Protein backbone atom coordinates (compact mmCIF):
# COMPACT_ATOMS: atom_id res chain seq x y z
CA UNK A 1 0.00 0.00 0.00
CA UNK A 2 1.21 3.48 -0.77
CA UNK A 3 0.02 6.38 1.35
CA UNK A 4 0.07 9.93 0.01
CA UNK A 5 -2.81 11.90 1.43
CA UNK A 6 -3.86 9.88 4.48
CA UNK A 7 -7.52 10.57 3.64
CA UNK A 8 -7.06 8.94 0.22
CA UNK A 9 -5.21 5.66 0.63
CA UNK A 10 -4.29 3.61 -2.40
CA UNK A 11 -3.35 0.01 -2.98
CA UNK A 12 -0.86 -0.81 -5.73
CA UNK A 13 -0.94 -4.38 -7.01
CA UNK A 14 0.87 -6.30 -9.72
CA UNK A 15 -1.44 -8.08 -12.17
CA UNK A 16 -0.22 -10.81 -14.50
CA UNK A 17 -0.19 -10.36 -18.26
CA UNK A 18 -2.85 -13.06 -18.53
CA UNK A 19 -5.25 -11.11 -16.28
CA UNK A 20 -4.50 -7.46 -17.11
CA UNK A 21 -6.85 -7.49 -20.13
CA UNK A 22 -9.77 -7.97 -17.69
CA UNK A 23 -8.87 -4.89 -15.62
CA UNK A 24 -10.22 -1.43 -16.50
CA UNK A 25 -10.05 2.01 -14.89
CA UNK A 26 -13.22 2.50 -12.85
CA UNK A 27 -13.64 -1.22 -12.20
CA UNK A 28 -14.86 -2.09 -8.70
CA UNK A 29 -12.68 -4.20 -6.40
CA UNK A 30 -12.98 -5.90 -3.04
CA UNK A 31 -9.97 -6.02 -0.71
CA UNK A 32 -9.35 -8.08 2.40
CA UNK A 33 -6.39 -7.08 4.54
CA UNK A 34 -4.65 -9.75 6.61
CA UNK A 35 -4.92 -7.48 9.65
CA UNK A 36 -8.72 -7.81 9.49
CA UNK A 37 -9.60 -10.57 7.01
CA UNK A 38 -13.27 -10.66 8.06
CA UNK A 39 -13.94 -7.14 6.74
CA UNK A 40 -14.30 -6.55 2.99
CA UNK A 41 -13.16 -3.10 1.89
CA UNK A 42 -14.29 -1.71 -1.44
CA UNK A 43 -12.49 0.45 -3.94
CA UNK A 44 -12.04 1.14 -7.62
CA UNK A 45 -9.20 0.95 -10.14
CA UNK A 46 -7.86 4.47 -10.72
CA UNK A 47 -4.82 3.68 -12.89
CA UNK A 48 -3.51 0.82 -15.01
CA UNK A 49 0.04 0.83 -16.35
CA UNK A 50 0.52 0.04 -20.02
CA UNK A 51 4.22 -0.66 -19.48
CA UNK A 52 5.12 -4.04 -17.99
CA UNK A 53 7.23 -4.64 -14.90
CA UNK A 54 9.54 -7.43 -15.93
CA UNK A 55 10.24 -9.15 -12.62
CA UNK A 56 11.35 -12.55 -11.49
CA UNK A 57 7.80 -13.93 -11.48
CA UNK A 58 6.95 -13.15 -15.10
CA UNK A 59 5.50 -10.10 -16.76
CA UNK A 60 3.14 -8.03 -14.59
CA UNK A 61 1.43 -4.65 -14.81
CA UNK A 62 0.96 -2.14 -12.00
CA UNK A 63 -2.66 -1.37 -11.07
CA UNK A 64 -3.61 1.40 -8.61
CA UNK A 65 -6.76 1.09 -6.52
CA UNK A 66 -8.31 3.91 -4.45
CA UNK A 67 -10.40 2.96 -1.44
CA UNK A 68 -14.04 4.10 -1.32
CA UNK A 69 -13.82 5.15 2.35
CA UNK A 70 -11.09 6.24 4.74
CA UNK A 71 -9.74 3.41 6.89
CA UNK A 72 -7.39 4.94 9.47
CA UNK A 73 -6.46 1.49 10.79
CA UNK A 74 -4.70 0.61 7.52
CA UNK A 75 -0.98 1.27 7.48
CA UNK A 76 1.63 1.41 4.75
CA UNK A 77 3.06 -1.99 3.88
CA UNK A 78 0.06 -4.07 4.97
CA UNK A 79 -0.78 -7.12 2.87
CA UNK A 80 -4.15 -7.70 1.26
CA UNK A 81 -5.94 -9.91 -1.20
CA UNK A 82 -7.70 -8.21 -4.11
CA UNK A 83 -10.78 -9.43 -5.98
CA UNK A 84 -11.57 -7.61 -9.22
CA UNK A 85 -15.33 -7.51 -9.86
CA UNK A 86 -16.01 -8.61 -13.44
CA UNK A 87 -19.13 -7.65 -15.38
CA UNK A 88 -20.50 -10.00 -17.99
CA UNK A 89 -22.81 -8.73 -20.68
PDB file of N, CA and C in Angstrom:
ATOM      1  N   UNK A   1       0.850  -1.168   0.000  1.00  0.00           N
ATOM      2  CA  UNK A   1       0.000   0.000   0.000  1.00  0.00           C
ATOM      3  C   UNK A   1       0.891   1.224   0.000  1.00  0.00           C
ATOM      4  N   UNK A   2       0.506   2.212  -0.746  1.00  0.00           N
ATOM      5  CA  UNK A   2       1.210   3.482  -0.768  1.00  0.00           C
ATOM      6  C   UNK A   2       0.297   4.547  -0.188  1.00  0.00           C
ATOM      7  N   UNK A   3       0.827   5.334   0.739  1.00  0.00           N
ATOM      8  CA  UNK A   3       0.020   6.384   1.354  1.00  0.00           C
ATOM      9  C   UNK A   3       0.575   7.740   0.942  1.00  0.00           C
ATOM     10  N   UNK A   4      -0.279   8.550   0.314  1.00  0.00           N
ATOM     11  CA  UNK A   4       0.073   9.925   0.009  1.00  0.00           C
ATOM     12  C   UNK A   4      -0.698  10.786   0.974  1.00  0.00           C
ATOM     13  N   UNK A   5      -1.869  11.211   0.560  1.00  0.00           N
ATOM     14  CA  UNK A   5      -2.812  11.897   1.429  1.00  0.00           C
ATOM     15  C   UNK A   5      -3.462  10.823   2.291  1.00  0.00           C
ATOM     16  N   UNK A   6      -3.354  10.934   3.612  1.00  0.00           N
ATOM     17  CA  UNK A   6      -3.864   9.879   4.478  1.00  0.00           C
ATOM     18  C   UNK A   6      -5.370   9.716   4.366  1.00  0.00           C
ATOM     19  N   UNK A   7      -6.076  10.709   3.841  1.00  0.00           N
ATOM     20  CA  UNK A   7      -7.517  10.573   3.640  1.00  0.00           C
ATOM     21  C   UNK A   7      -7.824   9.800   2.362  1.00  0.00           C
ATOM     22  N   UNK A   8      -6.851   9.654   1.473  1.00  0.00           N
ATOM     23  CA  UNK A   8      -7.061   8.943   0.219  1.00  0.00           C
ATOM     24  C   UNK A   8      -5.978   7.875   0.057  1.00  0.00           C
ATOM     25  N   UNK A   9      -6.184   6.743   0.696  1.00  0.00           N
ATOM     26  CA  UNK A   9      -5.212   5.659   0.626  1.00  0.00           C
ATOM     27  C   UNK A   9      -5.392   4.893  -0.666  1.00  0.00           C
ATOM     28  N   UNK A  10      -4.274   4.380  -1.164  1.00  0.00           N
ATOM     29  CA  UNK A  10      -4.286   3.611  -2.400  1.00  0.00           C
ATOM     30  C   UNK A  10      -3.566   2.294  -2.193  1.00  0.00           C
ATOM     31  N   UNK A  11      -4.006   1.310  -2.944  1.00  0.00           N
ATOM     32  CA  UNK A  11      -3.346   0.012  -2.980  1.00  0.00           C
ATOM     33  C   UNK A  11      -2.770  -0.145  -4.374  1.00  0.00           C
ATOM     34  N   UNK A  12      -1.511  -0.556  -4.438  1.00  0.00           N
ATOM     35  CA  UNK A  12      -0.865  -0.809  -5.725  1.00  0.00           C
ATOM     36  C   UNK A  12      -0.569  -2.299  -5.803  1.00  0.00           C
ATOM     37  N   UNK A  13      -1.113  -2.943  -6.839  1.00  0.00           N
ATOM     38  CA  UNK A  13      -0.936  -4.379  -7.008  1.00  0.00           C
ATOM     39  C   UNK A  13      -0.315  -4.675  -8.367  1.00  0.00           C
ATOM     40  N   UNK A  14       0.322  -5.817  -8.464  1.00  0.00           N
ATOM     41  CA  UNK A  14       0.868  -6.303  -9.720  1.00  0.00           C
ATOM     42  C   UNK A  14      -0.106  -7.337 -10.279  1.00  0.00           C
ATOM     43  N   UNK A  15      -0.496  -7.170 -11.523  1.00  0.00           N
ATOM     44  CA  UNK A  15      -1.441  -8.075 -12.174  1.00  0.00           C
ATOM     45  C   UNK A  15      -0.725  -8.747 -13.346  1.00  0.00           C
ATOM     46  N   UNK A  16      -0.909 -10.045 -13.468  1.00  0.00           N
ATOM     47  CA  UNK A  16      -0.221 -10.813 -14.504  1.00  0.00           C
ATOM     48  C   UNK A  16      -0.687 -10.407 -15.903  1.00  0.00           C
ATOM     49  N   UNK A  17       0.162 -10.697 -16.881  1.00  0.00           N
ATOM     50  CA  UNK A  17      -0.185 -10.362 -18.257  1.00  0.00           C
ATOM     51  C   UNK A  17      -1.412 -11.140 -18.742  1.00  0.00           C
ATOM     52  N   UNK A  18      -1.668 -12.285 -18.156  1.00  0.00           N
ATOM     53  CA  UNK A  18      -2.851 -13.064 -18.526  1.00  0.00           C
ATOM     54  C   UNK A  18      -4.139 -12.409 -18.027  1.00  0.00           C
ATOM     55  N   UNK A  19      -4.063 -11.681 -16.901  1.00  0.00           N
ATOM     56  CA  UNK A  19      -5.251 -11.110 -16.278  1.00  0.00           C
ATOM     57  C   UNK A  19      -5.448  -9.622 -16.541  1.00  0.00           C
ATOM     58  N   UNK A  20      -4.411  -8.915 -16.986  1.00  0.00           N
ATOM     59  CA  UNK A  20      -4.500  -7.460 -17.111  1.00  0.00           C
ATOM     60  C   UNK A  20      -5.557  -7.026 -18.127  1.00  0.00           C
ATOM     61  N   UNK A  21      -5.847  -7.853 -19.124  1.00  0.00           N
ATOM     62  CA  UNK A  21      -6.848  -7.486 -20.130  1.00  0.00           C
ATOM     63  C   UNK A  21      -8.253  -7.405 -19.527  1.00  0.00           C
ATOM     64  N   UNK A  22      -8.461  -7.998 -18.360  1.00  0.00           N
ATOM     65  CA  UNK A  22      -9.765  -7.971 -17.689  1.00  0.00           C
ATOM     66  C   UNK A  22      -9.897  -6.839 -16.688  1.00  0.00           C
ATOM     67  N   UNK A  23      -8.875  -5.985 -16.591  1.00  0.00           N
ATOM     68  CA  UNK A  23      -8.871  -4.891 -15.618  1.00  0.00           C
ATOM     69  C   UNK A  23      -9.026  -3.566 -16.356  1.00  0.00           C
ATOM     70  N   UNK A  24      -9.979  -2.736 -15.888  1.00  0.00           N
ATOM     71  CA  UNK A  24     -10.221  -1.431 -16.499  1.00  0.00           C
ATOM     72  C   UNK A  24     -10.295  -0.351 -15.429  1.00  0.00           C
ATOM     73  N   UNK A  25      -9.904   0.866 -15.784  1.00  0.00           N
ATOM     74  CA  UNK A  25     -10.047   2.006 -14.887  1.00  0.00           C
ATOM     75  C   UNK A  25     -11.534   2.172 -14.574  1.00  0.00           C
ATOM     76  N   UNK A  26     -11.851   2.374 -13.299  1.00  0.00           N
ATOM     77  CA  UNK A  26     -13.222   2.502 -12.849  1.00  0.00           C
ATOM     78  C   UNK A  26     -13.812   1.193 -12.344  1.00  0.00           C
ATOM     79  N   UNK A  27     -13.142   0.094 -12.621  1.00  0.00           N
ATOM     80  CA  UNK A  27     -13.641  -1.220 -12.197  1.00  0.00           C
ATOM     81  C   UNK A  27     -13.655  -1.330 -10.672  1.00  0.00           C
ATOM     82  N   UNK A  28     -14.712  -1.912 -10.141  1.00  0.00           N
ATOM     83  CA  UNK A  28     -14.857  -2.087  -8.701  1.00  0.00           C
ATOM     84  C   UNK A  28     -14.004  -3.267  -8.221  1.00  0.00           C
ATOM     85  N   UNK A  29     -13.482  -3.146  -7.001  1.00  0.00           N
ATOM     86  CA  UNK A  29     -12.680  -4.204  -6.401  1.00  0.00           C
ATOM     87  C   UNK A  29     -13.094  -4.406  -4.949  1.00  0.00           C
ATOM     88  N   UNK A  30     -12.783  -5.583  -4.443  1.00  0.00           N
ATOM     89  CA  UNK A  30     -12.983  -5.905  -3.035  1.00  0.00           C
ATOM     90  C   UNK A  30     -11.629  -6.307  -2.477  1.00  0.00           C
ATOM     91  N   UNK A  31     -11.260  -5.733  -1.338  1.00  0.00           N
ATOM     92  CA  UNK A  31      -9.972  -6.016  -0.714  1.00  0.00           C
ATOM     93  C   UNK A  31     -10.194  -6.598   0.671  1.00  0.00           C
ATOM     94  N   UNK A  32      -9.337  -7.522   1.043  1.00  0.00           N
ATOM     95  CA  UNK A  32      -9.353  -8.083   2.404  1.00  0.00           C
ATOM     96  C   UNK A  32      -7.915  -8.038   2.917  1.00  0.00           C
ATOM     97  N   UNK A  33      -7.718  -7.236   3.958  1.00  0.00           N
ATOM     98  CA  UNK A  33      -6.395  -7.080   4.544  1.00  0.00           C
ATOM     99  C   UNK A  33      -6.167  -8.163   5.593  1.00  0.00           C
ATOM    100  N   UNK A  34      -4.962  -8.692   5.651  1.00  0.00           N
ATOM    101  CA  UNK A  34      -4.649  -9.752   6.607  1.00  0.00           C
ATOM    102  C   UNK A  34      -4.878  -9.297   8.038  1.00  0.00           C
ATOM    103  N   UNK A  35      -4.727  -8.011   8.305  1.00  0.00           N
ATOM    104  CA  UNK A  35      -4.922  -7.481   9.655  1.00  0.00           C
ATOM    105  C   UNK A  35      -6.374  -7.611  10.114  1.00  0.00           C
ATOM    106  N   UNK A  36      -7.309  -7.666   9.162  1.00  0.00           N
ATOM    107  CA  UNK A  36      -8.724  -7.808   9.488  1.00  0.00           C
ATOM    108  C   UNK A  36      -9.412  -8.517   8.323  1.00  0.00           C
ATOM    109  N   UNK A  37      -9.136  -9.804   8.167  1.00  0.00           N
ATOM    110  CA  UNK A  37      -9.596 -10.573   7.009  1.00  0.00           C
ATOM    111  C   UNK A  37     -11.105 -10.740   6.947  1.00  0.00           C
ATOM    112  N   UNK A  38     -11.815 -10.498   8.058  1.00  0.00           N
ATOM    113  CA  UNK A  38     -13.271 -10.655   8.065  1.00  0.00           C
ATOM    114  C   UNK A  38     -13.996  -9.471   7.432  1.00  0.00           C
ATOM    115  N   UNK A  39     -13.306  -8.346   7.275  1.00  0.00           N
ATOM    116  CA  UNK A  39     -13.941  -7.142   6.736  1.00  0.00           C
ATOM    117  C   UNK A  39     -13.547  -6.941   5.274  1.00  0.00           C
ATOM    118  N   UNK A  40     -14.545  -6.857   4.401  1.00  0.00           N
ATOM    119  CA  UNK A  40     -14.298  -6.552   2.995  1.00  0.00           C
ATOM    120  C   UNK A  40     -14.305  -5.042   2.819  1.00  0.00           C
ATOM    121  N   UNK A  41     -13.289  -4.521   2.165  1.00  0.00           N
ATOM    122  CA  UNK A  41     -13.159  -3.098   1.890  1.00  0.00           C
ATOM    123  C   UNK A  41     -13.299  -2.913   0.391  1.00  0.00           C
ATOM    124  N   UNK A  42     -14.060  -1.911  -0.019  1.00  0.00           N
ATOM    125  CA  UNK A  42     -14.289  -1.705  -1.442  1.00  0.00           C
ATOM    126  C   UNK A  42     -13.462  -0.547  -1.968  1.00  0.00           C
ATOM    127  N   UNK A  43     -13.237  -0.586  -3.266  1.00  0.00           N
ATOM    128  CA  UNK A  43     -12.493   0.454  -3.940  1.00  0.00           C
ATOM    129  C   UNK A  43     -12.705   0.356  -5.434  1.00  0.00           C
ATOM    130  N   UNK A  44     -11.936   1.146  -6.169  1.00  0.00           N
ATOM    131  CA  UNK A  44     -12.040   1.144  -7.625  1.00  0.00           C
ATOM    132  C   UNK A  44     -10.659   1.351  -8.232  1.00  0.00           C
ATOM    133  N   UNK A  45     -10.453   0.783  -9.409  1.00  0.00           N
ATOM    134  CA  UNK A  45      -9.198   0.952 -10.144  1.00  0.00           C
ATOM    135  C   UNK A  45      -9.126   2.394 -10.630  1.00  0.00           C
ATOM    136  N   UNK A  46      -8.030   3.079 -10.292  1.00  0.00           N
ATOM    137  CA  UNK A  46      -7.858   4.466 -10.722  1.00  0.00           C
ATOM    138  C   UNK A  46      -6.748   4.630 -11.755  1.00  0.00           C
ATOM    139  N   UNK A  47      -5.897   3.607 -11.896  1.00  0.00           N
ATOM    140  CA  UNK A  47      -4.823   3.680 -12.888  1.00  0.00           C
ATOM    141  C   UNK A  47      -4.371   2.275 -13.242  1.00  0.00           C
ATOM    142  N   UNK A  48      -4.014   2.107 -14.510  1.00  0.00           N
ATOM    143  CA  UNK A  48      -3.510   0.823 -15.006  1.00  0.00           C
ATOM    144  C   UNK A  48      -2.324   1.120 -15.906  1.00  0.00           C
ATOM    145  N   UNK A  49      -1.170   0.590 -15.568  1.00  0.00           N
ATOM    146  CA  UNK A  49       0.041   0.835 -16.347  1.00  0.00           C
ATOM    147  C   UNK A  49      -0.030   0.075 -17.669  1.00  0.00           C
ATOM    148  N   UNK A  50       0.441   0.710 -18.722  1.00  0.00           N
ATOM    149  CA  UNK A  50       0.521   0.041 -20.019  1.00  0.00           C
ATOM    150  C   UNK A  50       1.931  -0.471 -20.291  1.00  0.00           C
ATOM    151  N   UNK A  51       2.845  -0.172 -19.365  1.00  0.00           N
ATOM    152  CA  UNK A  51       4.222  -0.663 -19.482  1.00  0.00           C
ATOM    153  C   UNK A  51       4.425  -1.781 -18.473  1.00  0.00           C
ATOM    154  N   UNK A  52       4.971  -2.905 -18.899  1.00  0.00           N
ATOM    155  CA  UNK A  52       5.122  -4.040 -17.990  1.00  0.00           C
ATOM    156  C   UNK A  52       6.271  -3.850 -17.010  1.00  0.00           C
ATOM    157  N   UNK A  53       6.132  -4.495 -15.849  1.00  0.00           N
ATOM    158  CA  UNK A  53       7.227  -4.640 -14.900  1.00  0.00           C
ATOM    159  C   UNK A  53       7.769  -6.039 -15.127  1.00  0.00           C
ATOM    160  N   UNK A  54       8.966  -6.121 -15.614  1.00  0.00           N
ATOM    161  CA  UNK A  54       9.542  -7.428 -15.927  1.00  0.00           C
ATOM    162  C   UNK A  54      10.307  -7.920 -14.715  1.00  0.00           C
ATOM    163  N   UNK A  55       9.626  -8.665 -13.859  1.00  0.00           N
ATOM    164  CA  UNK A  55      10.237  -9.147 -12.622  1.00  0.00           C
ATOM    165  C   UNK A  55      10.557 -10.623 -12.696  1.00  0.00           C
ATOM    166  N   UNK A  56      10.958 -11.162 -11.562  1.00  0.00           N
ATOM    167  CA  UNK A  56      11.348 -12.553 -11.486  1.00  0.00           C
ATOM    168  C   UNK A  56      10.191 -13.527 -11.608  1.00  0.00           C
ATOM    169  N   UNK A  57       8.962 -13.041 -11.457  1.00  0.00           N
ATOM    170  CA  UNK A  57       7.805 -13.932 -11.484  1.00  0.00           C
ATOM    171  C   UNK A  57       7.009 -13.772 -12.773  1.00  0.00           C
ATOM    172  N   UNK A  58       7.649 -13.351 -13.837  1.00  0.00           N
ATOM    173  CA  UNK A  58       6.954 -13.154 -15.099  1.00  0.00           C
ATOM    174  C   UNK A  58       6.589 -11.706 -15.314  1.00  0.00           C
ATOM    175  N   UNK A  59       5.883 -11.454 -16.397  1.00  0.00           N
ATOM    176  CA  UNK A  59       5.502 -10.097 -16.761  1.00  0.00           C
ATOM    177  C   UNK A  59       4.232  -9.712 -16.000  1.00  0.00           C
ATOM    178  N   UNK A  60       4.292  -8.556 -15.325  1.00  0.00           N
ATOM    179  CA  UNK A  60       3.135  -8.034 -14.592  1.00  0.00           C
ATOM    180  C   UNK A  60       2.951  -6.556 -14.922  1.00  0.00           C
ATOM    181  N   UNK A  61       1.771  -6.049 -14.581  1.00  0.00           N
ATOM    182  CA  UNK A  61       1.434  -4.650 -14.806  1.00  0.00           C
ATOM    183  C   UNK A  61       0.935  -4.054 -13.498  1.00  0.00           C
ATOM    184  N   UNK A  62       1.339  -2.823 -13.228  1.00  0.00           N
ATOM    185  CA  UNK A  62       0.959  -2.141 -11.995  1.00  0.00           C
ATOM    186  C   UNK A  62      -0.452  -1.574 -12.130  1.00  0.00           C
ATOM    187  N   UNK A  63      -1.293  -1.872 -11.130  1.00  0.00           N
ATOM    188  CA  UNK A  63      -2.663  -1.365 -11.070  1.00  0.00           C
ATOM    189  C   UNK A  63      -2.835  -0.633  -9.747  1.00  0.00           C
ATOM    190  N   UNK A  64      -3.376   0.598  -9.814  1.00  0.00           N
ATOM    191  CA  UNK A  64      -3.606   1.403  -8.614  1.00  0.00           C
ATOM    192  C   UNK A  64      -5.092   1.402  -8.286  1.00  0.00           C
ATOM    193  N   UNK A  65      -5.387   1.147  -7.008  1.00  0.00           N
ATOM    194  CA  UNK A  65      -6.763   1.089  -6.524  1.00  0.00           C
ATOM    195  C   UNK A  65      -6.927   2.125  -5.419  1.00  0.00           C
ATOM    196  N   UNK A  66      -7.969   2.959  -5.517  1.00  0.00           N
ATOM    197  CA  UNK A  66      -8.305   3.907  -4.454  1.00  0.00           C
ATOM    198  C   UNK A  66      -9.450   3.332  -3.641  1.00  0.00           C
ATOM    199  N   UNK A  67      -9.366   3.482  -2.330  1.00  0.00           N
ATOM    200  CA  UNK A  67     -10.399   2.960  -1.442  1.00  0.00           C
ATOM    201  C   UNK A  67     -11.606   3.891  -1.433  1.00  0.00           C
ATOM    202  N   UNK A  68     -12.813   3.304  -1.317  1.00  0.00           N
ATOM    203  CA  UNK A  68     -14.045   4.097  -1.324  1.00  0.00           C
ATOM    204  C   UNK A  68     -14.200   4.934  -0.060  1.00  0.00           C
ATOM    205  N   UNK A  69     -13.690   4.436   1.070  1.00  0.00           N
ATOM    206  CA  UNK A  69     -13.818   5.146   2.345  1.00  0.00           C
ATOM    207  C   UNK A  69     -12.461   5.185   3.035  1.00  0.00           C
ATOM    208  N   UNK A  70     -12.312   6.146   3.947  1.00  0.00           N
ATOM    209  CA  UNK A  70     -11.089   6.241   4.738  1.00  0.00           C
ATOM    210  C   UNK A  70     -11.066   5.110   5.768  1.00  0.00           C
ATOM    211  N   UNK A  71      -9.929   4.479   5.895  1.00  0.00           N
ATOM    212  CA  UNK A  71      -9.741   3.412   6.886  1.00  0.00           C
ATOM    213  C   UNK A  71      -8.467   3.728   7.656  1.00  0.00           C
ATOM    214  N   UNK A  72      -8.579   4.505   8.741  1.00  0.00           N
ATOM    215  CA  UNK A  72      -7.388   4.943   9.470  1.00  0.00           C
ATOM    216  C   UNK A  72      -6.579   3.800  10.066  1.00  0.00           C
ATOM    217  N   UNK A  73      -7.182   2.632  10.221  1.00  0.00           N
ATOM    218  CA  UNK A  73      -6.464   1.491  10.791  1.00  0.00           C
ATOM    219  C   UNK A  73      -5.487   0.848   9.803  1.00  0.00           C
ATOM    220  N   UNK A  74      -5.596   1.175   8.523  1.00  0.00           N
ATOM    221  CA  UNK A  74      -4.705   0.608   7.517  1.00  0.00           C
ATOM    222  C   UNK A  74      -3.398   1.391   7.480  1.00  0.00           C
ATOM    223  N   UNK A  75      -2.309   0.655   7.463  1.00  0.00           N
ATOM    224  CA  UNK A  75      -0.982   1.270   7.483  1.00  0.00           C
ATOM    225  C   UNK A  75      -0.188   0.861   6.259  1.00  0.00           C
ATOM    226  N   UNK A  76       0.776   1.691   5.898  1.00  0.00           N
ATOM    227  CA  UNK A  76       1.630   1.413   4.752  1.00  0.00           C
ATOM    228  C   UNK A  76       2.328   0.071   4.938  1.00  0.00           C
ATOM    229  N   UNK A  77       2.360  -0.715   3.867  1.00  0.00           N
ATOM    230  CA  UNK A  77       3.064  -1.995   3.882  1.00  0.00           C
ATOM    231  C   UNK A  77       2.202  -3.189   4.247  1.00  0.00           C
ATOM    232  N   UNK A  78       0.947  -2.959   4.631  1.00  0.00           N
ATOM    233  CA  UNK A  78       0.061  -4.070   4.975  1.00  0.00           C
ATOM    234  C   UNK A  78      -0.238  -4.906   3.722  1.00  0.00           C
ATOM    235  N   UNK A  79      -0.511  -6.184   3.952  1.00  0.00           N
ATOM    236  CA  UNK A  79      -0.778  -7.119   2.875  1.00  0.00           C
ATOM    237  C   UNK A  79      -2.277  -7.340   2.742  1.00  0.00           C
ATOM    238  N   UNK A  80      -2.725  -7.436   1.486  1.00  0.00           N
ATOM    239  CA  UNK A  80      -4.147  -7.697   1.262  1.00  0.00           C
ATOM    240  C   UNK A  80      -4.339  -8.563   0.037  1.00  0.00           C
ATOM    241  N   UNK A  81      -5.499  -9.191  -0.018  1.00  0.00           N
ATOM    242  CA  UNK A  81      -5.937  -9.906  -1.204  1.00  0.00           C
ATOM    243  C   UNK A  81      -6.898  -9.005  -1.956  1.00  0.00           C
ATOM    244  N   UNK A  82      -6.862  -9.074  -3.278  1.00  0.00           N
ATOM    245  CA  UNK A  82      -7.701  -8.212  -4.106  1.00  0.00           C
ATOM    246  C   UNK A  82      -8.552  -9.070  -5.026  1.00  0.00           C
ATOM    247  N   UNK A  83      -9.865  -8.757  -5.063  1.00  0.00           N
ATOM    248  CA  UNK A  83     -10.776  -9.432  -5.983  1.00  0.00           C
ATOM    249  C   UNK A  83     -11.341  -8.371  -6.927  1.00  0.00           C
ATOM    250  N   UNK A  84     -11.047  -8.524  -8.211  1.00  0.00           N
ATOM    251  CA  UNK A  84     -11.572  -7.610  -9.216  1.00  0.00           C
ATOM    252  C   UNK A  84     -12.976  -8.082  -9.591  1.00  0.00           C
ATOM    253  N   UNK A  85     -13.947  -7.166  -9.554  1.00  0.00           N
ATOM    254  CA  UNK A  85     -15.332  -7.510  -9.859  1.00  0.00           C
ATOM    255  C   UNK A  85     -15.515  -7.419 -11.377  1.00  0.00           C
ATOM    256  N   UNK A  86     -15.836  -8.551 -11.987  1.00  0.00           N
ATOM    257  CA  UNK A  86     -16.007  -8.612 -13.442  1.00  0.00           C
ATOM    258  C   UNK A  86     -17.481  -8.476 -13.787  1.00  0.00           C
ATOM    259  N   UNK A  87     -17.756  -7.782 -14.871  1.00  0.00           N
ATOM    260  CA  UNK A  87     -19.128  -7.650 -15.377  1.00  0.00           C
ATOM    261  C   UNK A  87     -19.236  -8.423 -16.670  1.00  0.00           C
ATOM    262  N   UNK A  88     -20.246  -9.246 -16.752  1.00  0.00           N
ATOM    263  CA  UNK A  88     -20.496  -9.998 -17.988  1.00  0.00           C
ATOM    264  C   UNK A  88     -21.737  -9.443 -18.650  1.00  0.00           C
ATOM    265  N   UNK A  89     -21.660  -9.266 -19.951  1.00  0.00           N
ATOM    266  CA  UNK A  89     -22.810  -8.727 -20.677  1.00  0.00           C
ATOM    267  C   UNK A  89     -23.545  -9.855 -21.359  1.00  0.00           C
TER     268      UNK A  89
END
